[in-house]
Amino acid sequence: MERPRVAAPTIRTVVANVEGASIFAERVRAEADRLKVTTASDVTVLGDGAEWIWNLAADVLPQAAGVLTCITRSSTSGLR
């Protein structure tokens, strides 16, 4: 499997909260608007594979590249 090339980020931001998907989508949209990247072509969305995240990304940032990330318990067990 070939890995997609992703450019080094020029801005890094994280949007996280425990809430319903529609409220979270509003939070993501507000952050994209604040950064003026709502229509930028070089936006990347990181997700864990959950369908709702990709649906949210397609709605809020349809031009964004998607990157699947998954950290499992076994892969982090050596971290302190």
PDB file of N, CA and C in Angstrom:
ATOM      1  N   MET A   1       0.846  -1.167   0.000  1.00  0.00           N
ATOM      2  CA  MET A   1       0.000   0.000   0.000  1.00  0.00           C
ATOM      3  C   MET A   1       0.900   1.242   0.000  1.00  0.00           C
ATOM      4  N   GLU A   2       0.618   2.135  -0.893  1.00  0.00           N
ATOM      5  CA  GLU A   2       1.400   3.365  -1.003  1.00  0.00           C
ATOM      6  C   GLU A   2       0.831   4.424  -0.061  1.00  0.00           C
ATOM      7  N   ARG A   3       1.721   5.068   0.679  1.00  0.00           N
ATOM      8  CA  ARG A   3       1.294   6.131   1.598  1.00  0.00           C
ATOM      9  C   ARG A   3       1.155   7.440   0.836  1.00  0.00           C
ATOM     10  N   PRO A   4       0.101   8.199   1.128  1.00  0.00           N
ATOM     11  CA  PRO A   4      -0.049   9.497   0.462  1.00  0.00           C
ATOM     12  C   PRO A   4       1.002  10.474   0.970  1.00  0.00           C
ATOM     13  N   ARG A   5       1.474  11.344   0.094  1.00  0.00           N
ATOM     14  CA  ARG A   5       2.416  12.389   0.503  1.00  0.00           C
ATOM     15  C   ARG A   5       1.627  13.542   1.084  1.00  0.00           C
ATOM     16  N   VAL A   6       2.018  13.943   2.252  1.00  0.00           N
ATOM     17  CA  VAL A   6       1.370  15.062   2.923  1.00  0.00           C
ATOM     18  C   VAL A   6       2.447  16.099   3.209  1.00  0.00           C
ATOM     19  N   ALA A   7       2.212  17.315   2.760  1.00  0.00           N
ATOM     20  CA  ALA A   7       3.176  18.395   2.981  1.00  0.00           C
ATOM     21  C   ALA A   7       3.276  18.726   4.464  1.00  0.00           C
ATOM     22  N   ALA A   8       4.430  19.211   4.851  1.00  0.00           N
ATOM     23  CA  ALA A   8       4.616  19.657   6.234  1.00  0.00           C
ATOM     24  C   ALA A   8       3.650  20.800   6.525  1.00  0.00           C
ATOM     25  N   PRO A   9       3.000  20.773   7.672  1.00  0.00           N
ATOM     26  CA  PRO A   9       2.018  21.823   7.964  1.00  0.00           C
ATOM     27  C   PRO A   9       2.668  23.173   8.229  1.00  0.00           C
ATOM     28  N   THR A  10       1.956  24.214   7.821  1.00  0.00           N
ATOM     29  CA  THR A  10       2.406  25.569   8.149  1.00  0.00           C
ATOM     30  C   THR A  10       1.637  26.087   9.357  1.00  0.00           C
ATOM     31  N   ILE A  11       0.452  25.556   9.572  1.00  0.00           N
ATOM     32  CA  ILE A  11      -0.351  25.877  10.753  1.00  0.00           C
ATOM     33  C   ILE A  11      -0.879  24.560  11.294  1.00  0.00           C
ATOM     34  N   ARG A  12      -0.755  24.362  12.585  1.00  0.00           N
ATOM     35  CA  ARG A  12      -1.328  23.180  13.226  1.00  0.00           C
ATOM     36  C   ARG A  12      -2.367  23.639  14.225  1.00  0.00           C
ATOM     37  N   THR A  13      -3.513  23.024  14.165  1.00  0.00           N
ATOM     38  CA  THR A  13      -4.560  23.348  15.119  1.00  0.00           C
ATOM     39  C   THR A  13      -5.329  22.075  15.430  1.00  0.00           C
ATOM     40  N   VAL A  14      -5.863  22.009  16.606  1.00  0.00           N
ATOM     41  CA  VAL A  14      -6.625  20.846  17.040  1.00  0.00           C
ATOM     42  C   VAL A  14      -7.977  21.333  17.521  1.00  0.00           C
ATOM     43  N   VAL A  15      -9.007  20.640  17.092  1.00  0.00           N
ATOM     44  CA  VAL A  15     -10.351  20.898  17.589  1.00  0.00           C
ATOM     45  C   VAL A  15     -10.816  19.596  18.221  1.00  0.00           C
ATOM     46  N   ALA A  16     -11.109  19.632  19.502  1.00  0.00           N
ATOM     47  CA  ALA A  16     -11.512  18.417  20.204  1.00  0.00           C
ATOM     48  C   ALA A  16     -12.509  18.760  21.296  1.00  0.00           C
ATOM     49  N   ASN A  17     -13.466  17.892  21.470  1.00  0.00           N
ATOM     50  CA  ASN A  17     -14.429  18.036  22.549  1.00  0.00           C
ATOM     51  C   ASN A  17     -15.307  16.794  22.551  1.00  0.00           C
ATOM     52  N   VAL A  18     -15.929  16.508  23.656  1.00  0.00           N
ATOM     53  CA  VAL A  18     -16.889  15.414  23.738  1.00  0.00           C
ATOM     54  C   VAL A  18     -18.271  16.052  23.639  1.00  0.00           C
ATOM     55  N   GLU A  19     -18.886  15.888  22.454  1.00  0.00           N
ATOM     56  CA  GLU A  19     -20.182  16.497  22.192  1.00  0.00           C
ATOM     57  C   GLU A  19     -20.771  15.860  20.941  1.00  0.00           C
ATOM     58  N   GLY A  20     -21.968  16.200  20.631  1.00  0.00           N
ATOM     59  CA  GLY A  20     -22.619  15.670  19.447  1.00  0.00           C
ATOM     60  C   GLY A  20     -21.916  16.124  18.170  1.00  0.00           C
ATOM     61  N   ALA A  21     -22.050  15.317  17.122  1.00  0.00           N
ATOM     62  CA  ALA A  21     -21.352  15.592  15.861  1.00  0.00           C
ATOM     63  C   ALA A  21     -21.746  16.936  15.259  1.00  0.00           C
ATOM     64  N   SER A  22     -23.011  17.321  15.333  1.00  0.00           N
ATOM     65  CA  SER A  22     -23.433  18.583  14.718  1.00  0.00           C
ATOM     66  C   SER A  22     -22.847  19.786  15.459  1.00  0.00           C
ATOM     67  N   ILE A  23     -22.769  19.712  16.778  1.00  0.00           N
ATOM     68  CA  ILE A  23     -22.159  20.801  17.550  1.00  0.00           C
ATOM     69  C   ILE A  23     -20.658  20.843  17.278  1.00  0.00           C
ATOM     70  N   PHE A  24     -20.041  19.667  17.205  1.00  0.00           N
ATOM     71  CA  PHE A  24     -18.612  19.604  16.899  1.00  0.00           C
ATOM     72  C   PHE A  24     -18.338  20.166  15.509  1.00  0.00           C
ATOM     73  N   ALA A  25     -19.210  19.892  14.548  1.00  0.00           N
ATOM     74  CA  ALA A  25     -19.052  20.424  13.188  1.00  0.00           C
ATOM     75  C   ALA A  25     -19.050  21.953  13.212  1.00  0.00           C
ATOM     76  N   GLU A  26     -19.915  22.546  14.033  1.00  0.00           N
ATOM     77  CA  GLU A  26     -19.932  24.007  14.162  1.00  0.00           C
ATOM     78  C   GLU A  26     -18.599  24.512  14.714  1.00  0.00           C
ATOM     79  N   ARG A  27     -18.023  23.782  15.665  1.00  0.00           N
ATOM     80  CA  ARG A  27     -16.739  24.160  16.246  1.00  0.00           C
ATOM     81  C   ARG A  27     -15.622  24.074  15.197  1.00  0.00           C
ATOM     82  N   VAL A  28     -15.642  23.009  14.393  1.00  0.00           N
ATOM     83  CA  VAL A  28     -14.643  22.842  13.326  1.00  0.00           C
ATOM     84  C   VAL A  28     -14.795  23.948  12.286  1.00  0.00           C
ATOM     85  N   ARG A  29     -16.031  24.238  11.902  1.00  0.00           N
ATOM     86  CA  ARG A  29     -16.278  25.296  10.916  1.00  0.00           C
ATOM     87  C   ARG A  29     -15.795  26.650  11.437  1.00  0.00           C
ATOM     88  N   ALA A  30     -16.041  26.943  12.709  1.00  0.00           N
ATOM     89  CA  ALA A  30     -15.589  28.213  13.297  1.00  0.00           C
ATOM     90  C   ALA A  30     -14.065  28.304  13.283  1.00  0.00           C
ATOM     91  N   GLU A  31     -13.379  27.202  13.579  1.00  0.00           N
ATOM     92  CA  GLU A  31     -11.916  27.207  13.563  1.00  0.00           C
ATOM     93  C   GLU A  31     -11.400  27.383  12.133  1.00  0.00           C
ATOM     94  N   ALA A  32     -12.023  26.728  11.173  1.00  0.00           N
ATOM     95  CA  ALA A  32     -11.627  26.887   9.768  1.00  0.00           C
ATOM     96  C   ALA A  32     -11.842  28.325   9.306  1.00  0.00           C
ATOM     97  N   ASP A  33     -12.956  28.921   9.713  1.00  0.00           N
ATOM     98  CA  ASP A  33     -13.218  30.325   9.374  1.00  0.00           C
ATOM     99  C   ASP A  33     -12.187  31.241  10.028  1.00  0.00           C
ATOM    100  N   ARG A  34     -11.860  30.975  11.293  1.00  0.00           N
ATOM    101  CA  ARG A  34     -10.892  31.808  12.008  1.00  0.00           C
ATOM    102  C   ARG A  34      -9.534  31.784  11.305  1.00  0.00           C
ATOM    103  N   LEU A  35      -9.155  30.610  10.807  1.00  0.00           N
ATOM    104  CA  LEU A  35      -7.874  30.461  10.114  1.00  0.00           C
ATOM    105  C   LEU A  35      -7.956  30.829   8.639  1.00  0.00           C
ATOM    106  N   LYS A  36      -9.169  31.150   8.176  1.00  0.00           N
ATOM    107  CA  LYS A  36      -9.405  31.486   6.765  1.00  0.00           C
ATOM    108  C   LYS A  36      -8.974  30.350   5.831  1.00  0.00           C
ATOM    109  N   VAL A  37      -9.327  29.117   6.220  1.00  0.00           N
ATOM    110  CA  VAL A  37      -8.983  27.953   5.397  1.00  0.00           C
ATOM    111  C   VAL A  37     -10.222  27.177   4.945  1.00  0.00           C
ATOM    112  N   THR A  38     -11.384  27.793   5.093  1.00  0.00           N
ATOM    113  CA  THR A  38     -12.625  27.104   4.739  1.00  0.00           C
ATOM    114  C   THR A  38     -12.612  26.638   3.290  1.00  0.00           C
ATOM    115  N   THR A  39     -11.965  27.398   2.402  1.00  0.00           N
ATOM    116  CA  THR A  39     -11.893  27.004   0.993  1.00  0.00           C
ATOM    117  C   THR A  39     -10.463  26.756   0.529  1.00  0.00           C
ATOM    118  N   ALA A  40      -9.503  26.730   1.448  1.00  0.00           N
ATOM    119  CA  ALA A  40      -8.102  26.495   1.066  1.00  0.00           C
ATOM    120  C   ALA A  40      -7.934  25.071   0.545  1.00  0.00           C
ATOM    121  N   SER A  41      -7.108  24.931  -0.463  1.00  0.00           N
ATOM    122  CA  SER A  41      -6.936  23.614  -1.077  1.00  0.00           C
ATOM    123  C   SER A  41      -5.919  22.747  -0.354  1.00  0.00           C
ATOM    124  N   ASP A  42      -5.148  23.305   0.558  1.00  0.00           N
ATOM    125  CA  ASP A  42      -4.099  22.538   1.218  1.00  0.00           C
ATOM    126  C   ASP A  42      -4.409  22.253   2.687  1.00  0.00           C
ATOM    127  N   VAL A  43      -5.641  21.844   2.949  1.00  0.00           N
ATOM    128  CA  VAL A  43      -6.089  21.511   4.293  1.00  0.00           C
ATOM    129  C   VAL A  43      -6.125  19.997   4.430  1.00  0.00           C
ATOM    130  N   THR A  44      -5.708  19.497   5.588  1.00  0.00           N
ATOM    131  CA  THR A  44      -5.739  18.063   5.853  1.00  0.00           C
ATOM    132  C   THR A  44      -6.553  17.810   7.109  1.00  0.00           C
ATOM    133  N   VAL A  45      -7.407  16.812   7.053  1.00  0.00           N
ATOM    134  CA  VAL A  45      -8.198  16.402   8.210  1.00  0.00           C
ATOM    135  C   VAL A  45      -7.662  15.055   8.672  1.00  0.00           C
ATOM    136  N   LEU A  46      -7.316  14.960   9.941  1.00  0.00           N
ATOM    137  CA  LEU A  46      -6.882  13.692  10.524  1.00  0.00           C
ATOM    138  C   LEU A  46      -8.074  13.042  11.198  1.00  0.00           C
ATOM    139  N   GLY A  47      -8.260  11.776  10.961  1.00  0.00           N
ATOM    140  CA  GLY A  47      -9.370  11.069  11.577  1.00  0.00           C
ATOM    141  C   GLY A  47      -8.994   9.648  11.931  1.00  0.00           C
ATOM    142  N   ASP A  48      -9.772   9.048  12.808  1.00  0.00           N
ATOM    143  CA  ASP A  48      -9.475   7.699  13.267  1.00  0.00           C
ATOM    144  C   ASP A  48     -10.234   6.624  12.488  1.00  0.00           C
ATOM    145  N   GLY A  49     -10.905   7.022  11.437  1.00  0.00           N
ATOM    146  CA  GLY A  49     -11.636   6.056  10.625  1.00  0.00           C
ATOM    147  C   GLY A  49     -13.129   6.043  10.885  1.00  0.00           C
ATOM    148  N   ALA A  50     -13.579   6.759  11.909  1.00  0.00           N
ATOM    149  CA  ALA A  50     -15.009   6.812  12.198  1.00  0.00           C
ATOM    150  C   ALA A  50     -15.732   7.528  11.061  1.00  0.00           C
ATOM    151  N   GLU A  51     -16.811   6.930  10.604  1.00  0.00           N
ATOM    152  CA  GLU A  51     -17.543   7.468   9.457  1.00  0.00           C
ATOM    153  C   GLU A  51     -18.034   8.894   9.694  1.00  0.00           C
ATOM    154  N   TRP A  52     -18.451   9.203  10.924  1.00  0.00           N
ATOM    155  CA  TRP A  52     -18.991  10.538  11.196  1.00  0.00           C
ATOM    156  C   TRP A  52     -17.929  11.618  11.001  1.00  0.00           C
ATOM    157  N   ILE A  53     -16.660  11.303  11.258  1.00  0.00           N
ATOM    158  CA  ILE A  53     -15.596  12.296  11.065  1.00  0.00           C
ATOM    159  C   ILE A  53     -15.432  12.611   9.586  1.00  0.00           C
ATOM    160  N   TRP A  54     -15.437  11.572   8.743  1.00  0.00           N
ATOM    161  CA  TRP A  54     -15.272  11.799   7.304  1.00  0.00           C
ATOM    162  C   TRP A  54     -16.491  12.510   6.733  1.00  0.00           C
ATOM    163  N   ASN A  55     -17.677  12.211   7.251  1.00  0.00           N
ATOM    164  CA  ASN A  55     -18.881  12.931   6.818  1.00  0.00           C
ATOM    165  C   ASN A  55     -18.797  14.404   7.210  1.00  0.00           C
ATOM    166  N   LEU A  56     -18.338  14.676   8.435  1.00  0.00           N
ATOM    167  CA  LEU A  56     -18.164  16.047   8.899  1.00  0.00           C
ATOM    168  C   LEU A  56     -17.149  16.774   8.026  1.00  0.00           C
ATOM    169  N   ALA A  57     -16.028  16.138   7.760  1.00  0.00           N
ATOM    170  CA  ALA A  57     -14.991  16.755   6.929  1.00  0.00           C
ATOM    171  C   ALA A  57     -15.518  17.049   5.531  1.00  0.00           C
ATOM    172  N   ALA A  58     -16.271  16.125   4.955  1.00  0.00           N
ATOM    173  CA  ALA A  58     -16.823  16.327   3.607  1.00  0.00           C
ATOM    174  C   ALA A  58     -17.792  17.497   3.584  1.00  0.00           C
ATOM    175  N   ASP A  59     -18.490  17.711   4.684  1.00  0.00           N
ATOM    176  CA  ASP A  59     -19.447  18.816   4.756  1.00  0.00           C
ATOM    177  C   ASP A  59     -18.752  20.156   5.034  1.00  0.00           C
ATOM    178  N   VAL A  60     -17.841  20.181   6.004  1.00  0.00           N
ATOM    179  CA  VAL A  60     -17.221  21.427   6.444  1.00  0.00           C
ATOM    180  C   VAL A  60     -16.039  21.823   5.572  1.00  0.00           C
ATOM    181  N   LEU A  61     -15.204  20.853   5.210  1.00  0.00           N
ATOM    182  CA  LEU A  61     -13.992  21.116   4.429  1.00  0.00           C
ATOM    183  C   LEU A  61     -13.910  20.116   3.272  1.00  0.00           C
ATOM    184  N   PRO A  62     -14.811  20.215   2.294  1.00  0.00           N
ATOM    185  CA  PRO A  62     -14.875  19.204   1.234  1.00  0.00           C
ATOM    186  C   PRO A  62     -13.609  19.093   0.392  1.00  0.00           C
ATOM    187  N   GLN A  63     -12.798  20.132   0.365  1.00  0.00           N
ATOM    188  CA  GLN A  63     -11.581  20.120  -0.434  1.00  0.00           C
ATOM    189  C   GLN A  63     -10.403  19.506   0.314  1.00  0.00           C
ATOM    190  N   ALA A  64     -10.577  19.203   1.591  1.00  0.00           N
ATOM    191  CA  ALA A  64      -9.475  18.730   2.428  1.00  0.00           C
ATOM    192  C   ALA A  64      -9.052  17.306   2.084  1.00  0.00           C
ATOM    193  N   ALA A  65      -7.758  17.068   2.201  1.00  0.00           N
ATOM    194  CA  ALA A  65      -7.237  15.707   2.112  1.00  0.00           C
ATOM    195  C   ALA A  65      -7.523  15.029   3.446  1.00  0.00           C
ATOM    196  N   GLY A  66      -7.819  13.767   3.407  1.00  0.00           N
ATOM    197  CA  GLY A  66      -8.059  13.018   4.639  1.00  0.00           C
ATOM    198  C   GLY A  66      -6.905  12.085   4.909  1.00  0.00           C
ATOM    199  N   VAL A  67      -6.511  12.000   6.157  1.00  0.00           N
ATOM    200  CA  VAL A  67      -5.441  11.103   6.559  1.00  0.00           C
ATOM    201  C   VAL A  67      -5.957  10.260   7.711  1.00  0.00           C
ATOM    202  N   LEU A  68      -5.867   8.960   7.556  1.00  0.00           N
ATOM    203  CA  LEU A  68      -6.314   8.047   8.594  1.00  0.00           C
ATOM    204  C   LEU A  68      -5.209   7.877   9.620  1.00  0.00           C
ATOM    205  N   THR A  69      -5.533   8.128  10.872  1.00  0.00           N
ATOM    206  CA  THR A  69      -4.583   7.891  11.955  1.00  0.00           C
ATOM    207  C   THR A  69      -5.254   6.977  12.960  1.00  0.00           C
ATOM    208  N   CYS A  70      -4.492   6.102  13.513  1.00  0.00           N
ATOM    209  CA  CYS A  70      -5.053   5.185  14.494  1.00  0.00           C
ATOM    210  C   CYS A  70      -3.973   4.845  15.506  1.00  0.00           C
ATOM    211  N   ILE A  71      -4.191   5.183  16.740  1.00  0.00           N
ATOM    212  CA  ILE A  71      -3.270   4.824  17.804  1.00  0.00           C
ATOM    213  C   ILE A  71      -3.986   3.802  18.678  1.00  0.00           C
ATOM    214  N   THR A  72      -3.396   2.650  18.769  1.00  0.00           N
ATOM    215  CA  THR A  72      -4.002   1.611  19.590  1.00  0.00           C
ATOM    216  C   THR A  72      -3.276   1.528  20.920  1.00  0.00           C
ATOM    217  N   ARG A  73      -3.884   0.888  21.841  1.00  0.00           N
ATOM    218  CA  ARG A  73      -3.271   0.742  23.160  1.00  0.00           C
ATOM    219  C   ARG A  73      -1.913   0.059  23.071  1.00  0.00           C
ATOM    220  N   SER A  74      -1.803  -0.953  22.232  1.00  0.00           N
ATOM    221  CA  SER A  74      -0.544  -1.676  22.131  1.00  0.00           C
ATOM    222  C   SER A  74       0.553  -0.816  21.519  1.00  0.00           C
ATOM    223  N   SER A  75       0.198   0.125  20.642  1.00  0.00           N
ATOM    224  CA  SER A  75       1.228   0.943  20.014  1.00  0.00           C
ATOM    225  C   SER A  75       1.716   2.057  20.933  1.00  0.00           C
ATOM    226  N   THR A  76       0.963   2.351  21.995  1.00  0.00           N
ATOM    227  CA  THR A  76       1.386   3.415  22.907  1.00  0.00           C
ATOM    228  C   THR A  76       1.878   2.851  24.237  1.00  0.00           C
ATOM    229  N   SER A  77       1.897   1.543  24.401  1.00  0.00           N
ATOM    230  CA  SER A  77       2.212   0.974  25.715  1.00  0.00           C
ATOM    231  C   SER A  77       3.636   1.281  26.148  1.00  0.00           C
ATOM    232  N   GLY A  78       4.553   1.536  25.217  1.00  0.00           N
ATOM    233  CA  GLY A  78       5.922   1.846  25.589  1.00  0.00           C
ATOM    234  C   GLY A  78       6.148   3.314  25.868  1.00  0.00           C
ATOM    235  N   LEU A  79       5.149   4.157  25.681  1.00  0.00           N
ATOM    236  CA  LEU A  79       5.298   5.590  25.898  1.00  0.00           C
ATOM    237  C   LEU A  79       5.080   5.945  27.356  1.00  0.00           C
ATOM    238  N   ARG A  80       5.821   6.904  27.808  1.00  0.00           N
ATOM    239  CA  ARG A  80       5.655   7.378  29.187  1.00  0.00           C
ATOM    240  C   ARG A  80       5.449   8.872  29.174  1.00  0.00           C
TER     241      ARG A  80
END
